[in-house]
């Protein structure tokens, strides 16, 4: 399953009635990494009034979610932050919204608005990457077909990872899973049925999205 995640950790800050809200957002893969991210931000801002965490693990329909109000009134901090993450379309994403109390109480409605806006601010600024499932394939071919195969690969959003030159050429290629069957068909047509690319690994990679 392909889905978007943050490409890197970022931070944004805003002020509401003299309270500082510092939102830190990062890619997190798995519960251990998510908890470590939250712990690191809490340590960095150990003197803050609140460090409110929320995260979503996985993507698409396979999600694990977590949030905490960290001492704010129930439902005014963690849930609004999590709601913004849900609406962002991002997976494997964590946020900690740090608050330094400025002396003016915001009320429950004001807190919900502030935590929502702080999370929206950092989500809007986050560069995106796509977590894609790919096949890494190996292809052994004769030299006369090398240039034609090199031209064929990008037609199916593939990449040439490396080439080894001996009696024949061995190419290691990478394709999105859904593009591989079409490449295989085109390869068969190109070679008169003689060439076949063998899948040696299926893995996930991150592809940064241009914004």
N, C-alpha and C. Protein backbone atom coordinates (compact mmCIF):
# COMPACT_ATOMS: atom_id res chain seq x y z
N UNK A 1 0.84 -1.19 0.00
CA UNK A 1 0.00 0.00 0.00
C UNK A 1 0.88 1.25 0.00
N UNK A 2 0.60 2.17 -0.92
CA UNK A 2 1.33 3.42 -1.00
C UNK A 2 0.59 4.50 -0.21
N UNK A 3 1.34 5.30 0.54
CA UNK A 3 0.72 6.42 1.25
C UNK A 3 1.78 7.47 1.55
N UNK A 4 1.32 8.68 1.85
CA UNK A 4 2.21 9.80 2.11
C UNK A 4 2.63 9.84 3.56
N UNK A 5 3.89 10.24 3.79
CA UNK A 5 4.41 10.46 5.13
C UNK A 5 5.22 11.76 5.10
N UNK A 6 5.53 12.31 6.28
CA UNK A 6 6.43 13.48 6.28
C UNK A 6 7.82 13.08 5.77
N UNK A 7 8.41 13.92 4.96
CA UNK A 7 9.75 13.62 4.43
C UNK A 7 10.84 13.88 5.46
N UNK A 8 10.55 14.74 6.45
CA UNK A 8 11.56 15.09 7.45
C UNK A 8 10.88 15.73 8.66
N UNK A 9 11.61 15.87 9.74
CA UNK A 9 11.08 16.52 10.93
C UNK A 9 11.10 18.04 10.75
N UNK A 10 10.00 18.69 11.14
CA UNK A 10 9.95 20.15 11.08
C UNK A 10 9.28 20.70 12.33
N UNK A 11 9.39 22.00 12.50
CA UNK A 11 8.83 22.66 13.70
C UNK A 11 8.26 24.02 13.30
N UNK A 12 7.11 24.36 13.88
CA UNK A 12 6.50 25.66 13.68
C UNK A 12 6.02 26.20 15.03
N UNK A 13 5.95 27.51 15.16
CA UNK A 13 5.58 28.12 16.43
C UNK A 13 4.57 29.24 16.20
N UNK A 14 3.65 29.40 17.17
CA UNK A 14 2.70 30.51 17.12
C UNK A 14 2.38 30.94 18.55
N UNK A 15 1.78 32.11 18.68
CA UNK A 15 1.40 32.62 19.99
C UNK A 15 -0.10 32.89 20.03
N UNK A 16 -0.71 32.55 21.18
CA UNK A 16 -2.13 32.81 21.40
C UNK A 16 -2.28 33.36 22.81
N UNK A 17 -2.71 34.60 22.94
CA UNK A 17 -2.92 35.24 24.25
C UNK A 17 -1.71 35.02 25.18
N UNK A 18 -0.54 35.28 24.65
CA UNK A 18 0.73 35.20 25.38
C UNK A 18 1.21 33.78 25.65
N UNK A 19 0.43 32.75 25.31
CA UNK A 19 0.91 31.37 25.39
C UNK A 19 1.67 31.04 24.10
N UNK A 20 2.79 30.36 24.25
CA UNK A 20 3.56 29.89 23.09
C UNK A 20 3.14 28.46 22.77
N UNK A 21 2.88 28.19 21.50
CA UNK A 21 2.58 26.84 21.04
C UNK A 21 3.64 26.46 20.02
N UNK A 22 4.40 25.43 20.32
CA UNK A 22 5.49 24.97 19.45
C UNK A 22 5.12 23.56 18.98
N UNK A 23 4.87 23.42 17.69
CA UNK A 23 4.46 22.14 17.12
C UNK A 23 5.63 21.49 16.40
N UNK A 24 5.97 20.29 16.82
CA UNK A 24 7.06 19.52 16.19
C UNK A 24 6.44 18.29 15.54
N UNK A 25 6.70 18.11 14.25
CA UNK A 25 6.14 17.00 13.49
C UNK A 25 7.27 16.18 12.88
N UNK A 26 7.10 14.85 12.87
CA UNK A 26 8.17 13.98 12.37
C UNK A 26 7.59 12.70 11.80
N UNK A 27 8.33 12.06 10.87
CA UNK A 27 7.94 10.71 10.45
C UNK A 27 8.26 9.72 11.57
N UNK A 28 7.35 8.82 11.85
CA UNK A 28 7.56 7.79 12.88
C UNK A 28 7.09 6.45 12.32
N UNK A 29 7.92 5.45 12.44
CA UNK A 29 7.59 4.12 11.94
C UNK A 29 7.56 3.16 13.12
N UNK A 30 6.38 2.74 13.52
CA UNK A 30 6.24 1.80 14.61
C UNK A 30 6.13 2.48 15.95
N UNK A 31 5.54 1.77 16.93
CA UNK A 31 5.29 2.37 18.24
C UNK A 31 6.55 2.76 19.00
N UNK A 32 7.63 2.01 18.87
CA UNK A 32 8.86 2.35 19.59
C UNK A 32 9.42 3.68 19.10
N UNK A 33 9.43 3.88 17.79
CA UNK A 33 9.95 5.13 17.23
C UNK A 33 9.05 6.30 17.61
N UNK A 34 7.73 6.05 17.61
CA UNK A 34 6.80 7.12 17.99
C UNK A 34 7.00 7.53 19.43
N UNK A 35 7.11 6.55 20.33
CA UNK A 35 7.32 6.87 21.76
C UNK A 35 8.65 7.56 21.98
N UNK A 36 9.69 7.15 21.22
CA UNK A 36 11.00 7.79 21.36
C UNK A 36 10.95 9.24 20.90
N UNK A 37 10.23 9.51 19.83
CA UNK A 37 10.07 10.89 19.34
C UNK A 37 9.38 11.75 20.39
N UNK A 38 8.28 11.25 20.96
CA UNK A 38 7.56 12.01 21.98
C UNK A 38 8.45 12.27 23.18
N UNK A 39 9.18 11.24 23.62
CA UNK A 39 10.06 11.39 24.79
C UNK A 39 11.17 12.41 24.52
N UNK A 40 11.69 12.42 23.30
CA UNK A 40 12.77 13.35 22.97
C UNK A 40 12.27 14.80 23.02
N UNK A 41 11.08 15.05 22.46
CA UNK A 41 10.55 16.42 22.48
C UNK A 41 10.21 16.83 23.90
N UNK A 42 9.64 15.92 24.69
CA UNK A 42 9.33 16.25 26.08
C UNK A 42 10.60 16.57 26.88
N UNK A 43 11.68 15.88 26.58
CA UNK A 43 12.95 16.17 27.26
C UNK A 43 13.49 17.53 26.84
N UNK A 44 13.37 17.83 25.54
CA UNK A 44 13.86 19.11 25.03
C UNK A 44 13.10 20.27 25.67
N UNK A 45 11.79 20.10 25.87
CA UNK A 45 10.95 21.15 26.44
C UNK A 45 10.44 20.72 27.82
N UNK A 46 11.36 20.26 28.64
CA UNK A 46 10.98 19.74 29.96
C UNK A 46 10.37 20.81 30.86
N UNK A 47 10.67 22.07 30.59
CA UNK A 47 10.14 23.16 31.42
C UNK A 47 8.80 23.70 30.90
N UNK A 48 8.26 23.09 29.84
CA UNK A 48 6.99 23.57 29.27
C UNK A 48 5.82 23.18 30.17
N UNK A 49 4.71 23.90 30.01
CA UNK A 49 3.51 23.60 30.78
C UNK A 49 2.89 22.29 30.32
N UNK A 50 2.88 22.06 29.01
CA UNK A 50 2.31 20.83 28.44
C UNK A 50 3.10 20.44 27.20
N UNK A 51 3.22 19.13 26.99
CA UNK A 51 3.73 18.58 25.73
C UNK A 51 2.69 17.56 25.25
N UNK A 52 1.88 17.97 24.31
CA UNK A 52 0.71 17.17 23.89
C UNK A 52 1.07 16.33 22.66
N UNK A 53 1.04 14.99 22.77
CA UNK A 53 1.41 14.14 21.64
C UNK A 53 0.20 13.56 20.90
N UNK A 54 0.39 13.31 19.63
CA UNK A 54 -0.57 12.56 18.83
C UNK A 54 0.21 11.90 17.69
N UNK A 55 -0.17 10.69 17.35
CA UNK A 55 0.49 10.07 16.19
C UNK A 55 -0.42 9.05 15.52
N UNK A 56 -0.11 8.82 14.25
CA UNK A 56 -0.78 7.82 13.43
C UNK A 56 0.30 6.92 12.86
N UNK A 57 0.17 5.62 13.08
CA UNK A 57 1.12 4.64 12.54
C UNK A 57 0.45 3.86 11.42
N UNK A 58 1.18 3.63 10.35
CA UNK A 58 0.61 2.98 9.19
C UNK A 58 0.01 4.00 8.25
N UNK A 59 -0.78 3.50 7.27
CA UNK A 59 -1.40 4.39 6.31
C UNK A 59 -2.61 3.73 5.69
N UNK A 60 -3.38 4.50 4.95
CA UNK A 60 -4.58 3.95 4.34
C UNK A 60 -5.59 3.53 5.39
N UNK A 61 -6.06 2.28 5.29
CA UNK A 61 -7.04 1.77 6.25
C UNK A 61 -6.39 1.00 7.39
N UNK A 62 -5.08 0.81 7.35
CA UNK A 62 -4.38 0.05 8.39
C UNK A 62 -3.67 1.02 9.32
N UNK A 63 -4.40 1.51 10.32
CA UNK A 63 -3.88 2.59 11.15
C UNK A 63 -3.89 2.21 12.63
N UNK A 64 -2.90 2.72 13.34
CA UNK A 64 -2.90 2.72 14.81
C UNK A 64 -2.78 4.18 15.23
N UNK A 65 -3.66 4.63 16.13
CA UNK A 65 -3.68 6.04 16.52
C UNK A 65 -3.49 6.18 18.03
N UNK A 66 -2.92 7.31 18.41
CA UNK A 66 -2.71 7.60 19.83
C UNK A 66 -2.73 9.11 20.03
N UNK A 67 -3.28 9.54 21.16
CA UNK A 67 -3.16 10.94 21.55
C UNK A 67 -3.31 11.06 23.06
N UNK A 68 -2.84 12.17 23.61
CA UNK A 68 -2.95 12.45 25.04
C UNK A 68 -3.11 13.95 25.22
N UNK A 69 -3.90 14.34 26.22
CA UNK A 69 -4.07 15.77 26.53
C UNK A 69 -2.96 16.30 27.42
N UNK A 70 -2.16 15.43 28.01
CA UNK A 70 -1.01 15.81 28.84
C UNK A 70 -1.35 16.91 29.85
N UNK A 71 -2.46 16.73 30.55
CA UNK A 71 -2.81 17.66 31.61
C UNK A 71 -3.76 18.77 31.22
N UNK A 72 -3.96 18.99 29.93
CA UNK A 72 -4.98 19.94 29.51
C UNK A 72 -6.37 19.33 29.76
N UNK A 73 -7.43 20.13 29.84
CA UNK A 73 -8.77 19.58 30.02
C UNK A 73 -9.09 18.52 28.96
N UNK A 74 -9.78 17.47 29.37
CA UNK A 74 -10.03 16.32 28.49
C UNK A 74 -10.65 16.75 27.17
N UNK A 75 -10.06 16.26 26.08
CA UNK A 75 -10.60 16.50 24.75
C UNK A 75 -10.22 17.82 24.12
N UNK A 76 -9.40 18.63 24.80
CA UNK A 76 -9.10 19.97 24.27
C UNK A 76 -7.76 20.06 23.54
N UNK A 77 -6.94 19.01 23.59
CA UNK A 77 -5.58 19.14 23.07
C UNK A 77 -5.20 17.96 22.15
N UNK A 78 -5.11 16.77 22.75
CA UNK A 78 -4.69 15.61 21.97
C UNK A 78 -5.64 15.27 20.84
N UNK A 79 -6.93 15.27 21.14
CA UNK A 79 -7.90 14.91 20.11
C UNK A 79 -7.93 15.91 18.95
N UNK A 80 -7.89 17.21 19.21
CA UNK A 80 -7.82 18.15 18.08
C UNK A 80 -6.56 17.95 17.23
N UNK A 81 -5.42 17.69 17.89
CA UNK A 81 -4.19 17.46 17.13
C UNK A 81 -4.32 16.20 16.27
N UNK A 82 -4.88 15.13 16.86
CA UNK A 82 -5.06 13.89 16.11
C UNK A 82 -6.02 14.07 14.96
N UNK A 83 -7.07 14.87 15.16
CA UNK A 83 -8.03 15.11 14.08
C UNK A 83 -7.37 15.78 12.88
N UNK A 84 -6.45 16.69 13.15
CA UNK A 84 -5.73 17.35 12.05
C UNK A 84 -4.85 16.33 11.31
N UNK A 85 -4.17 15.46 12.06
CA UNK A 85 -3.36 14.42 11.40
C UNK A 85 -4.23 13.52 10.55
N UNK A 86 -5.40 13.15 11.06
CA UNK A 86 -6.30 12.31 10.27
C UNK A 86 -6.68 12.97 8.96
N UNK A 87 -6.95 14.26 9.01
CA UNK A 87 -7.38 14.98 7.82
C UNK A 87 -6.26 15.33 6.86
N UNK A 88 -5.02 15.12 7.28
CA UNK A 88 -3.87 15.52 6.46
C UNK A 88 -3.57 14.53 5.34
N UNK A 89 -4.06 13.29 5.46
CA UNK A 89 -3.71 12.27 4.49
C UNK A 89 -2.36 11.63 4.73
N UNK A 90 -1.68 12.01 5.82
CA UNK A 90 -0.36 11.46 6.13
C UNK A 90 -0.48 10.20 6.97
N UNK A 91 0.44 9.28 6.78
CA UNK A 91 0.60 8.14 7.66
C UNK A 91 1.98 8.17 8.28
N UNK A 92 2.23 7.28 9.23
CA UNK A 92 3.53 7.23 9.93
C UNK A 92 3.97 8.64 10.34
N UNK A 93 3.08 9.34 11.04
CA UNK A 93 3.32 10.74 11.39
C UNK A 93 3.05 10.95 12.87
N UNK A 94 3.93 11.71 13.51
CA UNK A 94 3.75 12.07 14.90
C UNK A 94 3.89 13.57 15.09
N UNK A 95 3.16 14.11 16.07
CA UNK A 95 3.28 15.53 16.39
C UNK A 95 3.28 15.68 17.89
N UNK A 96 4.06 16.62 18.38
CA UNK A 96 4.00 17.04 19.78
C UNK A 96 3.81 18.55 19.77
N UNK A 97 2.72 19.00 20.39
CA UNK A 97 2.46 20.44 20.49
C UNK A 97 2.81 20.86 21.91
N UNK A 98 3.86 21.65 22.02
CA UNK A 98 4.36 22.13 23.30
C UNK A 98 3.71 23.47 23.62
N UNK A 99 3.26 23.62 24.88
CA UNK A 99 2.66 24.89 25.28
C UNK A 99 3.38 25.47 26.48
N UNK A 100 3.76 26.72 26.36
CA UNK A 100 4.23 27.51 27.49
C UNK A 100 3.11 28.48 27.86
N UNK A 101 2.51 28.27 29.03
CA UNK A 101 1.37 29.07 29.46
C UNK A 101 1.78 30.53 29.65
N UNK A 102 0.96 31.43 29.08
CA UNK A 102 1.31 32.85 29.10
C UNK A 102 0.56 33.67 30.12
N UNK A 103 -0.22 33.01 30.99
CA UNK A 103 -0.90 33.74 32.04
C UNK A 103 -2.37 34.02 31.78
N UNK A 104 -2.81 33.78 30.55
CA UNK A 104 -4.22 34.02 30.21
C UNK A 104 -4.88 32.68 29.87
N UNK A 105 -5.93 32.34 30.61
CA UNK A 105 -6.64 31.09 30.33
C UNK A 105 -7.43 31.23 29.03
N UNK A 106 -7.40 30.17 28.23
CA UNK A 106 -8.04 30.21 26.92
C UNK A 106 -9.44 29.62 26.92
N UNK A 107 -9.78 28.87 27.96
CA UNK A 107 -11.07 28.18 27.96
C UNK A 107 -11.01 26.97 27.05
N UNK A 108 -11.99 26.08 27.19
CA UNK A 108 -11.95 24.84 26.41
C UNK A 108 -12.02 25.11 24.91
N UNK A 109 -12.90 25.99 24.50
CA UNK A 109 -13.00 26.31 23.07
C UNK A 109 -11.72 26.94 22.54
N UNK A 110 -11.11 27.80 23.32
CA UNK A 110 -9.87 28.43 22.90
C UNK A 110 -8.72 27.44 22.80
N UNK A 111 -8.70 26.46 23.72
CA UNK A 111 -7.66 25.43 23.67
C UNK A 111 -7.81 24.56 22.43
N UNK A 112 -9.04 24.12 22.17
CA UNK A 112 -9.27 23.30 20.97
C UNK A 112 -8.80 24.06 19.72
N UNK A 113 -9.16 25.33 19.63
CA UNK A 113 -8.77 26.15 18.47
C UNK A 113 -7.26 26.29 18.39
N UNK A 114 -6.60 26.52 19.51
CA UNK A 114 -5.15 26.74 19.50
C UNK A 114 -4.40 25.47 19.11
N UNK A 115 -4.78 24.34 19.70
CA UNK A 115 -4.07 23.09 19.38
C UNK A 115 -4.36 22.65 17.94
N UNK A 116 -5.57 22.92 17.48
CA UNK A 116 -5.90 22.63 16.08
C UNK A 116 -5.04 23.47 15.15
N UNK A 117 -4.98 24.76 15.41
CA UNK A 117 -4.24 25.66 14.51
C UNK A 117 -2.74 25.41 14.55
N UNK A 118 -2.21 25.08 15.72
CA UNK A 118 -0.77 24.79 15.81
C UNK A 118 -0.42 23.55 15.00
N UNK A 119 -1.28 22.54 15.08
CA UNK A 119 -1.02 21.32 14.32
C UNK A 119 -1.20 21.56 12.83
N UNK A 120 -2.22 22.33 12.46
CA UNK A 120 -2.41 22.67 11.05
C UNK A 120 -1.22 23.42 10.49
N UNK A 121 -0.64 24.30 11.29
CA UNK A 121 0.50 25.10 10.85
C UNK A 121 1.68 24.22 10.50
N UNK A 122 1.97 23.24 11.35
CA UNK A 122 3.13 22.39 11.10
C UNK A 122 2.84 21.39 9.99
N UNK A 123 1.60 20.92 9.89
CA UNK A 123 1.24 19.98 8.82
C UNK A 123 1.36 20.66 7.46
N UNK A 124 0.91 21.92 7.37
CA UNK A 124 1.00 22.64 6.09
C UNK A 124 2.45 22.82 5.65
N UNK A 125 3.34 22.96 6.60
CA UNK A 125 4.74 23.19 6.24
C UNK A 125 5.54 21.94 5.98
N UNK A 126 4.95 20.76 6.21
CA UNK A 126 5.72 19.52 6.13
C UNK A 126 5.91 19.07 4.69
N UNK A 127 7.16 18.87 4.26
CA UNK A 127 7.38 18.25 2.94
C UNK A 127 6.92 16.80 2.98
N UNK A 128 6.39 16.33 1.87
CA UNK A 128 5.83 14.99 1.79
C UNK A 128 6.75 14.03 1.06
N UNK A 129 6.67 12.77 1.44
CA UNK A 129 7.28 11.68 0.70
C UNK A 129 6.26 10.57 0.60
N UNK A 130 6.37 9.76 -0.44
CA UNK A 130 5.46 8.63 -0.60
C UNK A 130 6.18 7.35 -0.21
N UNK A 131 5.56 6.57 0.65
CA UNK A 131 6.08 5.26 0.98
C UNK A 131 5.50 4.28 -0.02
N UNK A 132 6.34 3.78 -0.92
CA UNK A 132 5.90 2.94 -2.03
C UNK A 132 6.50 1.54 -1.91
N UNK A 133 5.71 0.55 -2.30
CA UNK A 133 6.20 -0.82 -2.36
C UNK A 133 6.76 -1.08 -3.74
N UNK A 134 7.98 -1.59 -3.80
CA UNK A 134 8.67 -1.81 -5.08
C UNK A 134 9.22 -3.23 -5.15
N UNK A 135 9.35 -3.70 -6.40
CA UNK A 135 10.09 -4.93 -6.68
C UNK A 135 11.50 -4.54 -7.11
N UNK A 136 12.50 -5.18 -6.54
CA UNK A 136 13.87 -5.13 -7.06
C UNK A 136 14.05 -6.39 -7.90
N UNK A 137 14.42 -6.20 -9.16
CA UNK A 137 14.49 -7.35 -10.07
C UNK A 137 15.87 -7.44 -10.70
N UNK A 138 16.21 -8.66 -11.11
CA UNK A 138 17.50 -8.92 -11.77
C UNK A 138 17.22 -9.39 -13.19
N UNK A 139 17.97 -8.83 -14.11
CA UNK A 139 17.80 -9.16 -15.52
C UNK A 139 19.17 -9.41 -16.14
N UNK A 140 19.33 -10.57 -16.76
CA UNK A 140 20.56 -10.92 -17.49
C UNK A 140 20.24 -10.85 -18.97
N UNK A 141 21.02 -10.08 -19.71
CA UNK A 141 20.70 -9.87 -21.12
C UNK A 141 21.97 -9.74 -21.95
N UNK A 142 21.88 -9.97 -23.25
CA UNK A 142 23.04 -9.81 -24.13
C UNK A 142 23.30 -8.33 -24.41
N UNK A 143 24.53 -8.02 -24.72
CA UNK A 143 24.92 -6.63 -24.96
C UNK A 143 24.10 -5.93 -26.05
N UNK A 144 23.73 -6.60 -27.15
CA UNK A 144 22.99 -5.89 -28.20
C UNK A 144 21.64 -5.32 -27.74
N UNK A 145 21.07 -5.85 -26.66
CA UNK A 145 19.77 -5.36 -26.19
C UNK A 145 19.89 -4.33 -25.05
N UNK A 146 21.11 -4.04 -24.61
CA UNK A 146 21.29 -3.21 -23.42
C UNK A 146 20.67 -1.82 -23.58
N UNK A 147 20.97 -1.13 -24.66
CA UNK A 147 20.47 0.24 -24.81
C UNK A 147 18.95 0.26 -24.94
N UNK A 148 18.40 -0.74 -25.61
CA UNK A 148 16.94 -0.79 -25.76
C UNK A 148 16.25 -1.03 -24.42
N UNK A 149 16.86 -1.86 -23.57
CA UNK A 149 16.28 -2.09 -22.24
C UNK A 149 16.44 -0.84 -21.38
N UNK A 150 17.57 -0.17 -21.47
CA UNK A 150 17.76 1.08 -20.71
C UNK A 150 16.67 2.10 -21.05
N UNK A 151 16.26 2.16 -22.30
CA UNK A 151 15.20 3.08 -22.71
C UNK A 151 13.83 2.59 -22.25
N UNK A 152 13.68 1.28 -22.11
CA UNK A 152 12.40 0.69 -21.72
C UNK A 152 12.09 0.95 -20.24
N UNK A 153 13.11 0.90 -19.40
CA UNK A 153 12.91 0.95 -17.94
C UNK A 153 12.14 2.19 -17.49
N UNK A 154 12.53 3.42 -17.88
CA UNK A 154 11.81 4.60 -17.38
C UNK A 154 10.37 4.71 -17.86
N UNK A 155 10.02 4.01 -18.95
CA UNK A 155 8.64 4.04 -19.42
C UNK A 155 7.69 3.46 -18.37
N UNK A 156 8.22 2.63 -17.48
CA UNK A 156 7.40 1.99 -16.45
C UNK A 156 7.82 2.45 -15.05
N UNK A 157 8.33 3.71 -15.00
CA UNK A 157 8.72 4.35 -13.74
C UNK A 157 9.75 3.53 -12.97
N UNK A 158 10.63 2.87 -13.72
CA UNK A 158 11.67 2.06 -13.11
C UNK A 158 12.98 2.81 -12.99
N UNK A 159 13.87 2.25 -12.19
CA UNK A 159 15.21 2.80 -12.02
C UNK A 159 16.24 1.69 -12.21
N UNK A 160 17.36 2.04 -12.84
CA UNK A 160 18.49 1.13 -12.95
C UNK A 160 19.35 1.32 -11.71
N UNK A 161 19.42 0.31 -10.85
CA UNK A 161 20.18 0.43 -9.61
C UNK A 161 21.67 0.16 -9.84
N UNK A 162 21.98 -0.84 -10.64
CA UNK A 162 23.39 -1.09 -11.00
C UNK A 162 23.45 -2.03 -12.20
N UNK A 163 24.62 -2.06 -12.81
CA UNK A 163 24.87 -2.93 -13.96
C UNK A 163 26.22 -3.61 -13.79
N UNK A 164 26.29 -4.90 -14.13
CA UNK A 164 27.53 -5.66 -14.07
C UNK A 164 27.81 -6.22 -15.45
N UNK A 165 29.04 -5.99 -15.92
CA UNK A 165 29.41 -6.37 -17.28
C UNK A 165 30.36 -7.56 -17.24
N UNK A 166 29.92 -8.67 -17.83
CA UNK A 166 30.74 -9.88 -17.95
C UNK A 166 30.45 -10.45 -19.34
N UNK A 167 30.25 -11.78 -19.45
CA UNK A 167 29.89 -12.35 -20.74
C UNK A 167 28.56 -11.77 -21.22
N UNK A 168 27.65 -11.57 -20.26
CA UNK A 168 26.40 -10.86 -20.51
C UNK A 168 26.33 -9.67 -19.54
N UNK A 169 25.29 -8.89 -19.66
CA UNK A 169 25.07 -7.77 -18.74
C UNK A 169 24.02 -8.19 -17.70
N UNK A 170 24.33 -7.96 -16.44
CA UNK A 170 23.36 -8.19 -15.37
C UNK A 170 22.92 -6.84 -14.84
N UNK A 171 21.61 -6.59 -14.91
CA UNK A 171 21.04 -5.33 -14.44
C UNK A 171 20.17 -5.59 -13.22
N UNK A 172 20.34 -4.77 -12.20
CA UNK A 172 19.42 -4.75 -11.08
C UNK A 172 18.53 -3.52 -11.24
N UNK A 173 17.24 -3.76 -11.29
CA UNK A 173 16.26 -2.72 -11.59
C UNK A 173 15.24 -2.63 -10.47
N UNK A 174 14.57 -1.49 -10.38
CA UNK A 174 13.55 -1.30 -9.35
C UNK A 174 12.30 -0.72 -10.00
N UNK A 175 11.14 -1.33 -9.69
CA UNK A 175 9.87 -0.89 -10.26
C UNK A 175 8.79 -0.81 -9.18
N UNK A 176 7.88 0.16 -9.28
CA UNK A 176 6.68 0.08 -8.46
C UNK A 176 5.98 -1.25 -8.73
N UNK A 177 5.43 -1.86 -7.69
CA UNK A 177 4.83 -3.19 -7.83
C UNK A 177 3.80 -3.23 -8.95
N UNK A 178 2.98 -2.19 -9.07
CA UNK A 178 1.91 -2.24 -10.07
C UNK A 178 2.41 -1.98 -11.49
N UNK A 179 3.67 -1.54 -11.65
CA UNK A 179 4.24 -1.31 -12.97
C UNK A 179 5.02 -2.53 -13.49
N UNK A 180 5.40 -3.42 -12.58
CA UNK A 180 6.27 -4.53 -12.95
C UNK A 180 5.66 -5.46 -14.01
N UNK A 181 4.38 -5.87 -13.88
CA UNK A 181 3.83 -6.76 -14.91
C UNK A 181 3.87 -6.16 -16.32
N UNK A 182 3.60 -4.87 -16.42
CA UNK A 182 3.63 -4.23 -17.75
C UNK A 182 5.05 -4.19 -18.30
N UNK A 183 6.03 -3.93 -17.41
CA UNK A 183 7.42 -3.96 -17.87
C UNK A 183 7.78 -5.36 -18.35
N UNK A 184 7.37 -6.36 -17.60
CA UNK A 184 7.69 -7.74 -17.98
C UNK A 184 7.10 -8.08 -19.35
N UNK A 185 5.88 -7.62 -19.60
CA UNK A 185 5.28 -7.86 -20.91
C UNK A 185 6.02 -7.16 -22.03
N UNK A 186 6.42 -5.91 -21.79
CA UNK A 186 7.17 -5.17 -22.81
C UNK A 186 8.54 -5.80 -23.05
N UNK A 187 9.14 -6.31 -21.99
CA UNK A 187 10.44 -6.97 -22.11
C UNK A 187 10.33 -8.25 -22.95
N UNK A 188 9.28 -9.01 -22.74
CA UNK A 188 9.05 -10.22 -23.52
C UNK A 188 8.87 -9.87 -25.00
N UNK A 189 8.12 -8.81 -25.25
CA UNK A 189 7.90 -8.40 -26.64
C UNK A 189 9.19 -7.93 -27.29
N UNK A 190 9.98 -7.17 -26.53
CA UNK A 190 11.25 -6.66 -27.06
C UNK A 190 12.21 -7.77 -27.42
N UNK A 191 12.24 -8.83 -26.63
CA UNK A 191 13.24 -9.90 -26.79
C UNK A 191 12.69 -11.14 -27.48
N UNK A 192 11.46 -11.05 -27.98
CA UNK A 192 10.88 -12.23 -28.61
C UNK A 192 10.65 -13.36 -27.61
N UNK A 193 10.36 -12.98 -26.36
CA UNK A 193 10.07 -13.99 -25.33
C UNK A 193 11.29 -14.58 -24.66
N UNK A 194 12.49 -14.09 -24.96
CA UNK A 194 13.72 -14.70 -24.43
C UNK A 194 14.14 -14.14 -23.07
N UNK A 195 13.74 -12.90 -22.73
CA UNK A 195 14.20 -12.27 -21.49
C UNK A 195 13.10 -12.27 -20.44
N UNK A 196 13.53 -12.50 -19.21
CA UNK A 196 12.61 -12.48 -18.07
C UNK A 196 13.33 -11.86 -16.88
N UNK A 197 12.70 -10.85 -16.28
CA UNK A 197 13.29 -10.20 -15.10
C UNK A 197 12.80 -10.93 -13.85
N UNK A 198 13.73 -11.34 -13.00
CA UNK A 198 13.41 -12.12 -11.81
C UNK A 198 13.32 -11.21 -10.59
N UNK A 199 12.23 -11.30 -9.85
CA UNK A 199 12.07 -10.52 -8.62
C UNK A 199 12.98 -11.12 -7.55
N UNK A 200 13.88 -10.30 -7.01
CA UNK A 200 14.78 -10.79 -5.95
C UNK A 200 14.45 -10.20 -4.58
N UNK A 201 13.64 -9.14 -4.57
CA UNK A 201 13.26 -8.53 -3.29
C UNK A 201 12.05 -7.63 -3.51
N UNK A 202 11.16 -7.63 -2.53
CA UNK A 202 10.06 -6.68 -2.49
C UNK A 202 10.21 -5.88 -1.21
N UNK A 203 10.27 -4.55 -1.34
CA UNK A 203 10.57 -3.72 -0.19
C UNK A 203 9.82 -2.40 -0.31
N UNK A 204 10.01 -1.52 0.66
CA UNK A 204 9.40 -0.20 0.63
C UNK A 204 10.48 0.86 0.52
N UNK A 205 10.19 1.89 -0.24
CA UNK A 205 11.12 3.01 -0.40
C UNK A 205 10.35 4.31 -0.22
N UNK A 206 11.09 5.36 0.04
CA UNK A 206 10.49 6.70 0.18
C UNK A 206 10.84 7.53 -1.05
N UNK A 207 9.83 8.13 -1.64
CA UNK A 207 10.02 8.99 -2.81
C UNK A 207 9.50 10.37 -2.44
N UNK A 208 10.39 11.36 -2.42
CA UNK A 208 9.97 12.71 -2.04
C UNK A 208 9.05 13.30 -3.11
N UNK A 209 7.98 13.93 -2.64
CA UNK A 209 6.97 14.51 -3.54
C UNK A 209 7.29 15.98 -3.75
N UNK A 210 7.31 16.42 -5.00
CA UNK A 210 7.53 17.83 -5.30
C UNK A 210 6.26 18.60 -4.96
N UNK A 211 6.43 19.74 -4.26
CA UNK A 211 5.29 20.55 -3.85
C UNK A 211 5.33 21.92 -4.48
